[in-house]
Amino acid sequence: MKELIIAFGLFLFIEGILYAIFPSKMKSMLKKLELVNDSQLRSGGLIFAVIGFIIIYYIKN
């Protein structure tokens, strides 16, 4: 459970830093996200989730 809280904190830290350093680029990136098809977004999210799971699995073992 401690690792999950650390991971969530790291996620918030990275997101916050990106918005603080590059606010205009982040806004334009979010606008471009509307142009992406739902299936492409779903596939990309699934790929990143699997990659993240594999990384966590290898680090924990």
Protein backbone atom coordinates (compact mmCIF):
# COMPACT_ATOMS: atom_id res chain seq x y z
CA MET A 1 0.00 0.00 0.00
CA LYS A 2 2.90 2.33 0.76
CA GLU A 3 4.24 1.87 -2.78
CA LEU A 4 0.85 2.74 -4.27
CA ILE A 5 0.75 6.00 -2.33
CA ILE A 6 4.31 6.81 -3.40
CA ALA A 7 3.44 6.06 -7.03
CA PHE A 8 0.38 8.31 -6.86
CA GLY A 9 2.43 11.09 -5.30
CA LEU A 10 5.05 10.74 -8.03
CA PHE A 11 2.32 10.90 -10.68
CA LEU A 12 0.93 14.11 -9.17
CA PHE A 13 4.42 15.58 -8.89
CA ILE A 14 5.26 14.91 -12.54
CA GLU A 15 1.90 16.23 -13.77
CA GLY A 16 2.22 19.33 -11.62
CA ILE A 17 5.75 20.07 -12.80
CA LEU A 18 4.71 19.75 -16.45
CA TYR A 19 1.81 22.18 -16.00
CA ALA A 20 3.98 24.60 -14.00
CA ILE A 21 6.87 24.67 -16.48
CA PHE A 22 4.95 24.36 -19.78
CA PRO A 23 1.42 25.71 -19.22
CA SER A 24 0.77 26.83 -22.81
CA LYS A 25 2.19 23.63 -24.33
CA MET A 26 0.05 21.50 -22.01
CA LYS A 27 -3.08 23.45 -23.02
CA SER A 28 -2.34 22.97 -26.70
CA MET A 29 -1.62 19.28 -26.16
CA LEU A 30 -4.98 18.84 -24.42
CA LYS A 31 -6.74 20.57 -27.32
CA LYS A 32 -5.05 18.19 -29.79
CA LEU A 33 -6.23 15.25 -27.70
CA GLU A 34 -9.79 15.95 -28.85
CA LEU A 35 -8.74 15.05 -32.40
CA VAL A 36 -7.64 11.53 -31.44
CA ASN A 37 -10.15 8.72 -32.01
CA ASP A 38 -11.48 6.93 -28.95
CA SER A 39 -10.13 3.59 -30.19
CA GLN A 40 -6.63 5.04 -30.63
CA LEU A 41 -6.76 6.59 -27.18
CA ARG A 42 -7.99 3.32 -25.67
CA SER A 43 -5.26 1.31 -27.43
CA GLY A 44 -2.56 3.73 -26.32
CA GLY A 45 -3.80 3.67 -22.75
CA LEU A 46 -3.86 -0.12 -22.73
CA ILE A 47 -0.33 -0.31 -24.14
CA PHE A 48 0.99 2.09 -21.48
CA ALA A 49 -0.85 0.20 -18.74
CA VAL A 50 0.72 -3.09 -19.85
CA ILE A 51 4.18 -1.52 -20.06
CA GLY A 52 3.73 -0.04 -16.58
CA PHE A 53 2.60 -3.40 -15.22
CA ILE A 54 5.62 -5.15 -16.74
CA ILE A 55 7.99 -2.57 -15.24
CA ILE A 56 6.38 -2.92 -11.80
CA TYR A 57 6.45 -6.73 -12.06
CA TYR A 58 10.18 -6.83 -12.86
CA ILE A 59 11.08 -4.31 -10.18
CA LYS A 60 9.12 -6.15 -7.48
CA ASN A 61 10.68 -9.56 -8.36
